[in-house]
N, C-alpha and C. Protein backbone atom coordinates (compact mmCIF):
# COMPACT_ATOMS: atom_id res chain seq x y z
N MET A 1 0.18 -18.16 2.13
CA MET A 1 0.00 -18.06 3.45
C MET A 1 -0.68 -16.61 3.91
N ASP A 2 -1.74 -16.30 4.23
CA ASP A 2 -1.92 -15.20 4.22
C ASP A 2 -1.00 -14.17 5.13
N LEU A 3 -1.79 -12.82 5.11
CA LEU A 3 -0.95 -11.75 5.74
C LEU A 3 -0.94 -11.70 7.13
N ARG A 4 -1.65 -12.01 7.80
CA ARG A 4 -2.01 -12.31 9.31
C ARG A 4 -1.11 -13.11 9.85
N THR A 5 -1.21 -14.68 9.06
CA THR A 5 -0.07 -15.54 9.53
C THR A 5 1.24 -15.05 9.07
N ARG A 6 1.76 -14.55 7.99
CA ARG A 6 3.07 -13.99 7.74
C ARG A 6 3.67 -12.77 8.82
N PHE A 7 2.64 -12.20 9.52
CA PHE A 7 3.00 -11.02 10.33
C PHE A 7 3.36 -12.08 11.44
N THR A 8 2.67 -13.02 11.90
CA THR A 8 2.83 -13.73 13.25
C THR A 8 4.16 -14.85 13.10
N GLU A 9 4.53 -15.29 11.84
CA GLU A 9 5.70 -16.10 11.52
C GLU A 9 7.06 -14.98 11.72
N GLU A 10 6.80 -14.03 10.84
CA GLU A 10 8.06 -12.97 10.87
C GLU A 10 8.49 -12.54 12.15
N LEU A 11 7.64 -12.38 12.98
CA LEU A 11 7.47 -11.34 14.50
C LEU A 11 8.49 -12.83 15.34
N LYS A 12 7.98 -13.96 14.96
CA LYS A 12 8.48 -14.90 15.81
C LYS A 12 9.95 -15.31 15.08
N ALA A 13 10.33 -15.09 14.02
CA ALA A 13 11.44 -15.35 13.72
C ALA A 13 12.23 -14.08 13.99
N ALA A 14 11.83 -12.79 13.86
CA ALA A 14 12.51 -11.70 14.45
C ALA A 14 13.03 -11.90 16.01
N MET A 15 12.02 -12.32 16.54
CA MET A 15 11.93 -12.37 17.95
C MET A 15 13.25 -13.45 18.18
N ARG A 16 13.18 -14.30 17.74
CA ARG A 16 14.63 -15.53 17.75
C ARG A 16 15.72 -15.07 17.35
N ALA A 17 15.87 -14.40 16.09
CA ALA A 17 17.14 -13.67 15.79
C ALA A 17 17.29 -12.73 16.70
N GLY A 18 16.59 -12.19 17.75
CA GLY A 18 17.17 -11.11 18.47
C GLY A 18 17.05 -9.48 17.98
N GLU A 19 16.43 -9.58 16.81
CA GLU A 19 16.25 -8.30 15.73
C GLU A 19 15.46 -7.21 16.64
N ALA A 20 15.77 -6.69 17.38
CA ALA A 20 14.58 -5.73 18.24
C ALA A 20 14.14 -4.64 17.27
N ALA A 21 15.09 -3.96 16.50
CA ALA A 21 13.90 -3.04 15.64
C ALA A 21 12.92 -3.48 14.57
N ARG A 22 13.31 -4.88 14.21
CA ARG A 22 12.41 -5.44 13.54
C ARG A 22 11.20 -6.03 14.27
N VAL A 23 11.20 -6.38 15.66
CA VAL A 23 10.37 -6.97 16.55
C VAL A 23 9.29 -5.79 16.77
N SER A 24 9.77 -4.44 17.06
CA SER A 24 9.12 -3.58 17.32
C SER A 24 8.43 -2.92 16.12
N ILE A 25 8.81 -2.94 14.92
CA ILE A 25 8.02 -2.50 14.11
C ILE A 25 6.59 -3.72 13.52
N LEU A 26 7.28 -4.55 13.74
CA LEU A 26 6.05 -5.74 13.46
C LEU A 26 5.01 -5.92 14.95
N ARG A 27 5.38 -5.51 15.75
CA ARG A 27 4.20 -5.32 17.00
C ARG A 27 3.63 -4.35 16.49
N MET A 28 4.33 -3.17 15.95
CA MET A 28 3.47 -1.90 15.68
C MET A 28 2.61 -2.32 14.76
N VAL A 29 2.83 -3.04 13.45
CA VAL A 29 2.18 -3.33 12.49
C VAL A 29 0.85 -4.59 13.17
N THR A 30 0.96 -5.31 14.00
CA THR A 30 0.05 -5.73 14.38
C THR A 30 -0.73 -5.45 15.45
N ALA A 31 -0.37 -4.41 16.18
CA ALA A 31 -1.36 -3.50 16.92
C ALA A 31 -2.41 -2.78 16.04
N LYS A 32 -1.52 -2.07 14.67
CA LYS A 32 -2.86 -0.99 13.98
C LYS A 32 -3.52 -2.32 13.31
N LEU A 33 -3.35 -3.71 12.95
CA LEU A 33 -4.22 -4.29 12.60
C LEU A 33 -5.51 -4.51 13.42
N LYS A 34 -5.16 -4.62 14.66
CA LYS A 34 -6.05 -5.24 15.77
C LYS A 34 -7.03 -3.92 15.80
N ASP A 35 -6.70 -2.27 15.88
CA ASP A 35 -7.37 -1.58 15.68
C ASP A 35 -8.17 -1.28 14.65
N THR A 36 -7.40 -1.85 13.39
CA THR A 36 -8.81 -1.90 12.11
C THR A 36 -9.44 -3.10 12.20
N ASP A 37 -9.03 -3.84 12.75
CA ASP A 37 -10.43 -5.15 12.96
C ASP A 37 -11.31 -4.61 14.04
N ILE A 38 -10.87 -3.62 15.01
CA ILE A 38 -11.96 -3.27 16.05
C ILE A 38 -12.96 -2.32 15.39
N ALA A 39 -12.25 -1.68 14.63
CA ALA A 39 -13.12 -0.41 13.91
C ALA A 39 -14.07 -1.31 12.73
N ALA A 40 -13.67 -2.22 12.26
CA ALA A 40 -14.59 -3.02 11.31
C ALA A 40 -15.79 -3.61 12.24
N ARG A 41 -15.38 -3.89 13.26
CA ARG A 41 -16.52 -4.28 13.84
C ARG A 41 -17.83 -3.71 13.60
N PRO A 42 -19.31 -4.25 13.89
CA PRO A 42 -19.26 -6.03 14.11
C PRO A 42 -19.32 -7.04 13.10
N GLY A 43 -18.69 -6.56 11.84
CA GLY A 43 -18.63 -7.28 10.69
C GLY A 43 -17.39 -7.97 10.95
N PRO A 44 -17.22 -8.98 9.90
CA PRO A 44 -15.57 -9.72 10.18
C PRO A 44 -14.36 -8.78 10.30
N PRO A 45 -13.73 -9.68 10.43
CA PRO A 45 -12.28 -9.28 10.63
C PRO A 45 -11.78 -8.43 9.07
N VAL A 46 -10.59 -7.66 8.98
CA VAL A 46 -10.34 -7.38 7.57
C VAL A 46 -9.80 -8.29 6.92
N ASP A 47 -10.10 -8.11 5.65
CA ASP A 47 -9.51 -9.18 4.67
C ASP A 47 -7.89 -8.66 4.08
N ASP A 48 -7.56 -9.60 3.32
CA ASP A 48 -6.24 -9.29 3.01
C ASP A 48 -6.02 -7.93 2.25
N ALA A 49 -7.11 -7.37 1.35
CA ALA A 49 -7.45 -6.16 0.57
C ALA A 49 -7.09 -5.01 1.63
N GLY A 50 -7.88 -5.21 2.91
CA GLY A 50 -8.28 -4.24 3.75
C GLY A 50 -6.56 -4.24 4.46
N ILE A 51 -5.78 -5.35 4.70
CA ILE A 51 -4.91 -5.07 5.08
C ILE A 51 -3.64 -4.63 4.46
N ILE A 52 -3.74 -4.75 3.28
CA ILE A 52 -2.84 -4.19 2.28
C ILE A 52 -2.99 -2.79 2.15
N ALA A 53 -4.43 -2.29 2.21
CA ALA A 53 -4.41 -0.84 2.22
C ALA A 53 -4.09 -0.34 3.41
N MET A 54 -4.11 -0.93 4.56
CA MET A 54 -3.65 -0.51 5.85
C MET A 54 -2.37 -0.37 5.64
N LEU A 55 -1.38 -1.12 5.57
CA LEU A 55 -0.09 -1.13 5.21
C LEU A 55 0.51 0.36 4.12
N ARG A 56 -0.21 0.28 3.35
CA ARG A 56 -0.24 1.18 2.23
C ARG A 56 -0.16 2.73 2.69
N GLY A 57 -1.12 2.94 3.76
CA GLY A 57 -1.27 4.36 4.61
C GLY A 57 0.02 4.26 5.56
N MET A 58 0.19 3.14 6.21
CA MET A 58 1.14 3.22 7.39
C MET A 58 2.95 3.86 6.32
N ALA A 59 2.99 3.26 5.30
CA ALA A 59 3.82 3.43 4.58
C ALA A 59 4.03 4.93 4.18
N LYS A 60 2.58 4.83 3.46
CA LYS A 60 2.54 6.54 3.25
C LYS A 60 2.94 7.81 4.48
N SER A 61 2.43 7.60 5.37
CA SER A 61 2.42 8.23 6.83
C SER A 61 3.56 8.62 7.05
N ARG A 62 4.52 7.33 7.20
CA ARG A 62 6.13 7.43 7.39
C ARG A 62 6.80 8.28 6.13
N ALA A 63 6.78 7.81 5.11
CA ALA A 63 7.15 9.10 3.90
C ALA A 63 7.02 10.09 4.18
N GLU A 64 6.19 10.58 4.46
CA GLU A 64 5.80 11.89 4.86
C GLU A 64 6.39 12.34 6.33
N SER A 65 6.44 11.59 7.11
CA SER A 65 7.24 12.07 8.19
C SER A 65 8.87 12.39 7.87
N VAL A 66 9.38 11.22 7.06
CA VAL A 66 10.85 11.19 6.60
C VAL A 66 11.11 12.36 5.77
N THR A 67 10.08 13.25 5.14
CA THR A 67 10.50 14.27 4.57
C THR A 67 10.31 15.47 5.43
N MET A 68 9.34 15.54 6.41
CA MET A 68 9.36 16.66 7.66
C MET A 68 10.68 16.04 8.45
N TYR A 69 11.23 15.25 8.30
CA TYR A 69 12.44 14.97 9.91
C TYR A 69 13.11 15.30 9.03
N ARG A 70 13.60 15.24 7.66
CA ARG A 70 14.89 15.55 6.64
C ARG A 70 14.71 17.32 6.43
N GLN A 71 13.88 17.97 6.35
CA GLN A 71 13.59 19.31 6.63
C GLN A 71 13.92 19.99 7.68
N GLY A 72 13.85 19.49 8.80
CA GLY A 72 14.01 19.67 10.45
C GLY A 72 15.31 19.28 10.81
N GLY A 73 16.31 18.56 9.85
CA GLY A 73 17.47 18.35 10.12
C GLY A 73 17.93 17.18 10.81
N ARG A 74 16.66 16.25 11.10
CA ARG A 74 16.81 15.09 11.79
C ARG A 74 17.03 13.84 11.36
N GLU A 75 18.35 13.51 10.70
CA GLU A 75 18.57 12.29 9.68
C GLU A 75 18.41 11.15 10.73
N GLU A 76 18.20 10.85 11.90
CA GLU A 76 18.36 9.84 12.67
C GLU A 76 16.89 9.16 12.76
N LEU A 77 16.24 10.19 12.86
CA LEU A 77 14.76 10.03 12.85
C LEU A 77 14.32 9.47 11.43
N ALA A 78 14.61 10.17 10.47
CA ALA A 78 14.12 10.30 9.20
C ALA A 78 14.76 8.52 8.52
N ALA A 79 16.05 8.03 9.35
CA ALA A 79 16.61 6.89 8.89
C ALA A 79 15.78 5.70 9.40
N LYS A 80 15.32 5.94 10.88
CA LYS A 80 14.10 5.12 11.63
C LYS A 80 12.81 4.96 10.81
N GLU A 81 12.37 6.02 10.37
CA GLU A 81 11.10 5.96 9.58
C GLU A 81 11.49 5.17 8.21
N GLU A 82 12.54 5.33 7.62
CA GLU A 82 12.89 4.54 6.29
C GLU A 82 12.91 2.99 6.77
N ALA A 83 13.47 2.93 7.55
CA ALA A 83 13.54 1.20 8.07
C ALA A 83 12.37 0.82 8.20
N GLU A 84 11.39 1.48 9.16
CA GLU A 84 10.10 1.33 9.31
C GLU A 84 9.41 0.96 7.85
N ILE A 85 9.44 1.62 6.95
CA ILE A 85 9.06 1.71 5.52
C ILE A 85 9.53 0.35 4.75
N ALA A 86 10.90 0.23 4.96
CA ALA A 86 11.15 -0.85 4.58
C ALA A 86 10.41 -2.43 4.94
N VAL A 87 10.31 -2.28 5.87
CA VAL A 87 9.73 -3.94 6.61
C VAL A 87 8.16 -4.17 6.22
N ILE A 88 7.35 -2.60 6.16
CA ILE A 88 6.14 -2.51 6.19
C ILE A 88 5.93 -2.97 4.54
N GLU A 89 7.01 -2.35 3.64
CA GLU A 89 6.89 -2.69 2.03
C GLU A 89 7.24 -4.11 1.72
N SER A 90 7.53 -4.82 2.91
CA SER A 90 7.89 -6.26 2.50
C SER A 90 6.95 -7.26 2.39
N PHE A 91 6.00 -6.77 3.05
CA PHE A 91 4.84 -7.47 2.99
C PHE A 91 3.76 -7.02 2.00
N LEU A 92 4.04 -5.80 1.17
CA LEU A 92 2.88 -5.97 0.31
C LEU A 92 3.40 -6.08 -1.03
N PRO A 93 2.37 -6.19 -1.83
CA PRO A 93 2.86 -7.05 -3.19
C PRO A 93 3.48 -5.89 -4.09
N GLN A 94 4.19 -6.52 -5.00
CA GLN A 94 5.19 -5.88 -5.75
C GLN A 94 4.42 -5.03 -6.96
N GLN A 95 4.79 -3.88 -7.00
CA GLN A 95 4.07 -2.71 -7.78
C GLN A 95 4.30 -2.94 -9.52
N LEU A 96 3.37 -2.67 -10.06
CA LEU A 96 3.30 -2.76 -11.40
C LEU A 96 4.47 -1.58 -11.92
N ASP A 97 5.24 -1.88 -12.95
CA ASP A 97 6.33 -0.90 -13.37
C ASP A 97 5.52 -0.04 -14.24
N ASP A 98 6.09 1.38 -14.72
CA ASP A 98 5.47 2.30 -15.71
C ASP A 98 4.61 1.42 -16.91
N ALA A 99 5.93 0.78 -17.45
CA ALA A 99 5.10 -0.28 -18.78
C ALA A 99 3.66 -0.98 -18.28
N ALA A 100 3.85 -1.75 -17.66
CA ALA A 100 3.06 -2.35 -17.08
C ALA A 100 1.73 -1.71 -16.62
N MET A 101 2.14 -0.30 -16.02
CA MET A 101 0.70 0.39 -15.66
C MET A 101 0.12 0.79 -16.72
N ALA A 102 1.19 1.46 -17.77
CA ALA A 102 0.49 1.92 -18.96
C ALA A 102 -0.68 0.67 -19.97
N ALA A 103 0.00 -0.49 -19.93
CA ALA A 103 -0.91 -1.50 -20.59
C ALA A 103 -1.90 -1.83 -19.64
N ALA A 104 -2.18 -1.75 -18.40
CA ALA A 104 -3.09 -1.89 -17.93
C ALA A 104 -4.15 -0.65 -17.92
N VAL A 105 -3.61 0.34 -18.20
CA VAL A 105 -4.87 1.38 -18.22
C VAL A 105 -5.34 1.41 -19.74
N ASP A 106 -4.38 1.21 -20.79
CA ASP A 106 -5.03 0.54 -22.01
C ASP A 106 -6.05 -0.37 -22.10
N ALA A 107 -5.73 -1.33 -21.16
CA ALA A 107 -6.61 -2.26 -21.40
C ALA A 107 -7.56 -1.97 -20.73
N ALA A 108 -7.89 -1.19 -19.51
CA ALA A 108 -9.14 -0.71 -18.75
C ALA A 108 -10.26 -0.07 -19.59
N VAL A 109 -9.11 0.90 -20.48
CA VAL A 109 -10.02 1.75 -21.10
C VAL A 109 -10.57 1.22 -22.20
N ALA A 110 -10.04 0.03 -22.76
CA ALA A 110 -10.69 -0.70 -23.97
C ALA A 110 -12.08 -1.34 -23.06
N GLU A 111 -11.47 -1.63 -22.24
CA GLU A 111 -12.53 -2.83 -21.26
C GLU A 111 -14.00 -1.99 -21.12
N ALA A 112 -13.57 -0.66 -20.46
CA ALA A 112 -14.78 -0.10 -20.17
C ALA A 112 -15.67 1.06 -21.31
N GLY A 113 -14.56 0.65 -22.41
CA GLY A 113 -15.15 1.37 -23.64
C GLY A 113 -15.40 3.06 -23.68
N ALA A 114 -14.38 3.52 -22.89
CA ALA A 114 -14.21 4.82 -22.52
C ALA A 114 -13.73 5.48 -23.47
N SER A 115 -14.08 6.89 -23.58
CA SER A 115 -13.59 7.75 -24.83
C SER A 115 -13.51 9.17 -24.84
N THR A 116 -14.11 9.52 -23.73
CA THR A 116 -14.24 11.01 -22.92
C THR A 116 -13.34 10.90 -21.60
N ILE A 117 -13.15 12.04 -21.15
CA ILE A 117 -12.77 12.37 -19.85
C ILE A 117 -14.14 12.22 -18.86
N LYS A 118 -14.94 12.39 -19.48
CA LYS A 118 -15.91 12.14 -18.33
C LYS A 118 -16.36 10.58 -18.12
N GLU A 119 -15.92 9.40 -18.72
CA GLU A 119 -15.80 8.47 -18.43
C GLU A 119 -14.48 7.82 -17.51
N MET A 120 -13.95 8.49 -17.04
CA MET A 120 -12.50 8.01 -16.01
C MET A 120 -13.06 7.59 -15.08
N GLY A 121 -14.18 7.57 -14.48
CA GLY A 121 -14.63 6.97 -13.59
C GLY A 121 -14.97 5.12 -13.80
N LYS A 122 -15.34 4.83 -14.80
CA LYS A 122 -15.50 3.81 -15.15
C LYS A 122 -14.16 2.93 -15.37
N VAL A 123 -13.20 3.58 -15.63
CA VAL A 123 -12.01 2.92 -16.25
C VAL A 123 -11.32 2.99 -14.78
N MET A 124 -11.45 3.81 -13.71
CA MET A 124 -10.65 3.87 -12.40
C MET A 124 -11.26 2.42 -11.84
N ALA A 125 -12.48 2.21 -11.85
CA ALA A 125 -13.19 1.24 -11.15
C ALA A 125 -12.86 0.31 -11.98
N VAL A 126 -12.46 0.14 -13.03
CA VAL A 126 -12.08 -1.26 -13.71
C VAL A 126 -10.53 -2.24 -13.26
N LEU A 127 -9.80 -0.65 -13.06
CA LEU A 127 -8.58 -0.90 -12.75
C LEU A 127 -8.40 -1.26 -11.29
N ARG A 128 -9.47 -0.51 -10.32
CA ARG A 128 -9.21 -0.98 -8.94
C ARG A 128 -9.94 -2.46 -9.00
N ALA A 129 -10.62 -2.94 -9.65
CA ALA A 129 -11.68 -4.09 -9.55
C ALA A 129 -9.94 -4.90 -9.84
N LYS A 130 -9.57 -5.02 -10.94
CA LYS A 130 -8.26 -5.98 -11.70
C LYS A 130 -7.02 -5.72 -11.01
N HIS A 131 -6.52 -4.37 -10.61
CA HIS A 131 -5.24 -4.17 -10.02
C HIS A 131 -5.09 -3.29 -8.96
N ALA A 132 -5.96 -3.75 -7.64
CA ALA A 132 -6.05 -2.56 -6.67
C ALA A 132 -4.70 -3.06 -6.09
N ALA A 133 -4.23 -4.15 -5.73
CA ALA A 133 -3.11 -4.34 -4.91
C ALA A 133 -1.89 -4.00 -5.50
N THR A 134 -1.70 -3.91 -6.59
CA THR A 134 -0.40 -4.15 -7.38
C THR A 134 -0.21 -2.66 -8.08
N LEU A 135 -1.30 -1.50 -7.92
CA LEU A 135 -1.46 -0.62 -8.83
C LEU A 135 -1.57 0.65 -7.89
N ASP A 136 -0.61 1.68 -8.11
CA ASP A 136 -0.68 2.60 -7.26
C ASP A 136 -2.23 3.65 -8.03
N MET A 137 -2.88 3.68 -7.40
CA MET A 137 -4.14 4.65 -8.03
C MET A 137 -3.87 5.86 -7.96
N ALA A 138 -2.60 6.45 -7.17
CA ALA A 138 -2.45 8.09 -7.59
C ALA A 138 -1.79 8.32 -8.60
N LYS A 139 -0.91 7.12 -9.16
CA LYS A 139 -0.43 7.20 -10.42
C LYS A 139 -1.14 6.83 -11.40
N ALA A 140 -1.93 6.01 -11.05
CA ALA A 140 -3.03 5.29 -12.52
C ALA A 140 -4.16 6.88 -12.95
N GLY A 141 -3.97 7.72 -11.98
CA GLY A 141 -5.34 8.48 -12.43
C GLY A 141 -4.99 9.90 -13.23
N PRO A 142 -3.50 9.98 -13.10
CA PRO A 142 -3.01 11.06 -14.26
C PRO A 142 -2.92 10.45 -15.90
N MET A 143 -2.58 9.08 -15.51
CA MET A 143 -2.38 8.52 -16.93
C MET A 143 -3.59 8.04 -17.53
N VAL A 144 -4.83 7.80 -16.87
CA VAL A 144 -6.04 7.71 -17.51
C VAL A 144 -6.59 8.78 -17.92
N LYS A 145 -6.36 9.97 -17.11
CA LYS A 145 -6.92 11.48 -17.73
C LYS A 145 -6.13 11.77 -19.25
N ALA A 146 -5.03 11.64 -19.07
CA ALA A 146 -4.04 11.50 -20.25
C ALA A 146 -4.56 10.56 -21.80
N ARG A 147 -4.45 9.52 -21.35
CA ARG A 147 -5.44 8.84 -22.10
C ARG A 147 -6.41 8.76 -22.47
N LEU A 148 -7.46 9.55 -22.04
CA LEU A 148 -8.90 10.24 -22.59
C LEU A 148 -8.57 11.41 -22.86
N GLY A 149 -7.59 11.79 -23.04
CA GLY A 149 -7.52 13.35 -23.48
C GLY A 149 -7.94 14.26 -22.73
N GLY A 150 -7.67 14.16 -21.35
CA GLY A 150 -8.04 15.05 -20.27
C GLY A 150 -7.14 16.16 -20.02
């Protein structure tokens, strides 16, 4: 089942169950998806990879908000943002753990034939092509750099 269908099905289920907070979050996600589709015009609607990138961005902005709310002493708003993050992340693929990420970096270095830090771009391109949905590129960058002796 693709992500668009999952959003619709989850929204229907939440409405039937009377989960007002979940309904609100899912409506927010579908509205953001419509905005993203409009921005992609005149081309086709965004594919699942684009939707995953959109969801990651939404989760990241909410995580930043949680930090700011906590610094400001607004625990109730931080808790609301964390609930939104939990719903958004339920649609994201499971992230690789550190051991699997290290193995993926080693495999990408070998595949790219990289040996110096100047070839980091090649390694990152291989990682992005093979593991874009399941790999946090912000964590992979420093690992690649360390592996190449940078």
